[in-house]
C-alpha cells in the first residue's frame, strides 16, 4: 500500500464517521426536544390537576358544610 491509498482510506473513514456522528447528534437533539416537550406538557397537566382538585375541594366543603342550628329556646 502506498501513501495515497492510506490517505484515501483514512479520509473515507473520517467522512463516514463524521456523517454517522452528525446523524446521531441530530437524533439525540430531536429526542431531547421531545423529552422537553413531554416534560412541559406534564407540568401543564399537573397544574391543571391542582386547579381541578382545588375546585373539587371547594365544592365538597360547600356540599358537606353542616348547617348551623339555632336554639329554639
N, C-alpha and C. Protein backbone atom coordinates (compact mmCIF):
# COMPACT_ATOMS: atom_id res chain seq x y z
N UNK A 1 0.84 -1.18 0.00
CA UNK A 1 0.00 0.00 0.00
C UNK A 1 0.88 1.24 0.00
N UNK A 2 0.57 2.13 -0.86
CA UNK A 2 1.35 3.36 -0.86
C UNK A 2 0.62 4.43 -0.07
N UNK A 3 1.25 5.54 0.11
CA UNK A 3 0.74 6.62 0.97
C UNK A 3 -0.57 7.19 0.45
N UNK A 4 -0.78 7.21 -0.84
CA UNK A 4 -2.01 7.75 -1.42
C UNK A 4 -3.21 6.89 -1.03
N UNK A 5 -3.03 5.58 -1.09
CA UNK A 5 -4.13 4.69 -0.70
C UNK A 5 -4.44 4.82 0.79
N UNK A 6 -3.43 4.93 1.61
CA UNK A 6 -3.63 5.08 3.06
C UNK A 6 -4.38 6.37 3.35
N UNK A 7 -3.96 7.45 2.74
CA UNK A 7 -4.63 8.75 2.95
C UNK A 7 -6.07 8.69 2.46
N UNK A 8 -6.32 8.03 1.34
CA UNK A 8 -7.67 7.91 0.80
C UNK A 8 -8.56 7.11 1.76
N UNK A 9 -8.04 6.01 2.27
CA UNK A 9 -8.81 5.18 3.20
C UNK A 9 -9.10 5.94 4.49
N UNK A 10 -8.10 6.62 5.03
CA UNK A 10 -8.30 7.39 6.25
C UNK A 10 -9.31 8.51 6.02
N UNK A 11 -9.24 9.16 4.88
CA UNK A 11 -10.20 10.23 4.56
C UNK A 11 -11.62 9.68 4.46
N UNK A 12 -11.77 8.55 3.80
CA UNK A 12 -13.10 7.94 3.64
C UNK A 12 -13.67 7.54 5.00
N UNK A 13 -12.83 6.94 5.84
CA UNK A 13 -13.29 6.54 7.18
C UNK A 13 -13.68 7.78 7.98
N UNK A 14 -12.90 8.83 7.87
CA UNK A 14 -13.20 10.08 8.59
C UNK A 14 -14.53 10.66 8.14
N UNK A 15 -14.80 10.63 6.86
CA UNK A 15 -16.06 11.16 6.34
C UNK A 15 -17.23 10.32 6.83
N UNK A 16 -17.10 9.00 6.78
CA UNK A 16 -18.17 8.12 7.21
C UNK A 16 -18.45 8.31 8.71
N UNK A 17 -17.40 8.37 9.51
CA UNK A 17 -17.57 8.57 10.95
C UNK A 17 -18.19 9.95 11.21
N UNK A 18 -17.76 10.95 10.49
CA UNK A 18 -18.32 12.30 10.65
C UNK A 18 -19.80 12.34 10.34
N UNK A 19 -20.21 11.69 9.26
CA UNK A 19 -21.63 11.64 8.90
C UNK A 19 -22.42 10.89 9.98
N UNK A 20 -21.88 9.77 10.44
CA UNK A 20 -22.56 8.99 11.47
C UNK A 20 -22.73 9.80 12.75
N UNK A 21 -21.69 10.50 13.17
CA UNK A 21 -21.75 11.33 14.37
C UNK A 21 -22.76 12.46 14.19
N UNK A 22 -22.79 13.05 13.02
CA UNK A 22 -23.73 14.14 12.74
C UNK A 22 -25.17 13.65 12.83
N UNK A 23 -25.44 12.49 12.22
CA UNK A 23 -26.79 11.94 12.27
C UNK A 23 -27.19 11.55 13.69
N UNK A 24 -26.26 10.97 14.41
CA UNK A 24 -26.52 10.59 15.80
C UNK A 24 -26.79 11.82 16.66
N UNK A 25 -26.02 12.86 16.44
CA UNK A 25 -26.22 14.11 17.18
C UNK A 25 -27.60 14.70 16.89
N UNK A 26 -28.02 14.66 15.63
CA UNK A 26 -29.34 15.16 15.26
C UNK A 26 -30.42 14.34 15.95
N UNK A 27 -30.25 13.03 15.98
CA UNK A 27 -31.21 12.14 16.65
C UNK A 27 -31.30 12.46 18.13
N UNK A 28 -30.17 12.67 18.76
CA UNK A 28 -30.13 12.99 20.19
C UNK A 28 -30.81 14.32 20.44
N UNK A 29 -30.56 15.31 19.60
CA UNK A 29 -31.21 16.62 19.75
C UNK A 29 -32.72 16.50 19.61
N UNK A 30 -33.18 15.71 18.64
CA UNK A 30 -34.62 15.51 18.46
C UNK A 30 -35.23 14.82 19.68
N UNK A 31 -34.53 13.82 20.19
CA UNK A 31 -35.02 13.11 21.38
C UNK A 31 -35.08 14.05 22.57
N UNK A 32 -34.06 14.86 22.76
CA UNK A 32 -34.06 15.83 23.87
C UNK A 32 -35.21 16.83 23.74
N UNK A 33 -35.47 17.27 22.51
CA UNK A 33 -36.58 18.20 22.28
C UNK A 33 -37.90 17.54 22.64
N UNK A 34 -38.08 16.30 22.23
CA UNK A 34 -39.32 15.59 22.56
C UNK A 34 -39.47 15.40 24.06
N UNK A 35 -38.39 15.08 24.72
CA UNK A 35 -38.44 14.93 26.19
C UNK A 35 -38.81 16.26 26.84
N UNK A 36 -38.22 17.35 26.37
CA UNK A 36 -38.55 18.67 26.91
C UNK A 36 -40.03 19.00 26.69
N UNK A 37 -40.53 18.70 25.48
CA UNK A 37 -41.95 18.94 25.18
C UNK A 37 -42.85 18.11 26.09
N UNK A 38 -42.45 16.86 26.30
CA UNK A 38 -43.24 15.98 27.16
C UNK A 38 -43.22 16.49 28.60
N UNK A 39 -42.07 16.90 29.08
CA UNK A 39 -41.97 17.45 30.44
C UNK A 39 -42.82 18.70 30.59
N UNK A 40 -42.82 19.54 29.57
CA UNK A 40 -43.62 20.76 29.61
C UNK A 40 -45.11 20.41 29.69
N UNK A 41 -45.52 19.43 28.89
CA UNK A 41 -46.93 19.02 28.89
C UNK A 41 -47.31 18.40 30.23
N UNK A 42 -46.42 17.60 30.80
CA UNK A 42 -46.68 17.00 32.11
C UNK A 42 -46.84 18.10 33.16
N UNK A 43 -46.01 19.12 33.13
CA UNK A 43 -46.12 20.23 34.07
C UNK A 43 -47.44 20.97 33.90
N UNK A 44 -47.87 21.16 32.65
CA UNK A 44 -49.15 21.81 32.40
C UNK A 44 -50.30 20.97 32.94
N UNK A 45 -50.25 19.66 32.71
CA UNK A 45 -51.29 18.77 33.22
C UNK A 45 -51.31 18.75 34.74
N UNK A 46 -50.13 18.77 35.35
CA UNK A 46 -50.04 18.78 36.81
C UNK A 46 -50.70 20.05 37.36
N UNK A 47 -50.45 21.18 36.72
CA UNK A 47 -51.05 22.44 37.16
C UNK A 47 -52.57 22.40 37.00
N UNK A 48 -53.04 21.85 35.87
CA UNK A 48 -54.48 21.73 35.66
C UNK A 48 -55.11 20.83 36.72
N UNK A 49 -54.44 19.74 37.04
CA UNK A 49 -54.95 18.84 38.07
C UNK A 49 -55.03 19.53 39.43
N UNK A 50 -54.01 20.32 39.76
CA UNK A 50 -54.03 21.05 41.02
C UNK A 50 -55.24 21.98 41.09
N UNK A 51 -55.50 22.67 39.98
CA UNK A 51 -56.63 23.59 39.95
C UNK A 51 -57.95 22.84 40.06
N UNK A 52 -58.06 21.69 39.37
CA UNK A 52 -59.28 20.89 39.43
C UNK A 52 -59.50 20.35 40.84
N UNK A 53 -58.44 19.86 41.48
CA UNK A 53 -58.56 19.33 42.84
C UNK A 53 -58.97 20.44 43.80
N UNK A 54 -58.42 21.62 43.62
CA UNK A 54 -58.78 22.76 44.47
C UNK A 54 -60.26 23.09 44.31
N UNK A 55 -60.74 23.08 43.07
CA UNK A 55 -62.15 23.37 42.82
C UNK A 55 -63.05 22.28 43.41
N UNK A 56 -62.63 21.01 43.28
CA UNK A 56 -63.41 19.90 43.85
C UNK A 56 -63.47 20.03 45.36
N UNK A 57 -62.37 20.37 46.00
CA UNK A 57 -62.35 20.56 47.45
C UNK A 57 -63.32 21.65 47.87
N UNK A 58 -63.30 22.75 47.14
CA UNK A 58 -64.19 23.87 47.49
C UNK A 58 -65.65 23.43 47.36
N UNK A 59 -65.97 22.70 46.30
CA UNK A 59 -67.34 22.23 46.12
C UNK A 59 -67.74 21.25 47.22
N UNK A 60 -66.83 20.37 47.58
CA UNK A 60 -67.13 19.41 48.65
C UNK A 60 -67.35 20.12 49.98
N UNK A 61 -66.55 21.13 50.27
CA UNK A 61 -66.75 21.88 51.50
C UNK A 61 -68.13 22.54 51.52
N UNK A 62 -68.56 23.05 50.38
CA UNK A 62 -69.87 23.69 50.31
C UNK A 62 -70.99 22.66 50.49
N UNK A 63 -70.85 21.51 49.83
CA UNK A 63 -71.90 20.49 49.88
C UNK A 63 -71.97 19.85 51.26
N UNK A 64 -70.82 19.60 51.85
CA UNK A 64 -70.78 18.88 53.12
C UNK A 64 -70.82 19.79 54.34
N UNK A 65 -70.95 21.07 54.11
CA UNK A 65 -70.98 22.01 55.21
C UNK A 65 -72.20 21.75 56.08
N UNK A 66 -71.99 21.64 57.37
CA UNK A 66 -73.08 21.37 58.31
C UNK A 66 -73.78 22.69 58.61
N UNK A 67 -75.07 22.74 58.37
CA UNK A 67 -75.78 23.99 58.66
C UNK A 67 -75.85 24.22 60.17
N UNK A 68 -75.79 25.45 60.58
CA UNK A 68 -75.85 25.81 61.99
C UNK A 68 -77.30 25.78 62.44
N UNK A 69 -77.55 25.09 63.53
CA UNK A 69 -78.91 25.03 64.08
C UNK A 69 -79.06 26.12 65.13
N UNK A 70 -80.15 26.83 65.03
CA UNK A 70 -80.41 27.88 66.01
C UNK A 70 -81.12 27.28 67.21
N UNK A 71 -80.87 27.83 68.35
CA UNK A 71 -81.54 27.37 69.57
C UNK A 71 -83.02 27.74 69.50
N UNK A 72 -83.87 26.75 69.84
CA UNK A 72 -85.32 27.01 69.78
C UNK A 72 -85.89 27.26 71.16
N UNK A 73 -85.10 27.73 72.06
CA UNK A 73 -85.41 28.11 73.40
C UNK A 73 -86.60 27.68 74.03
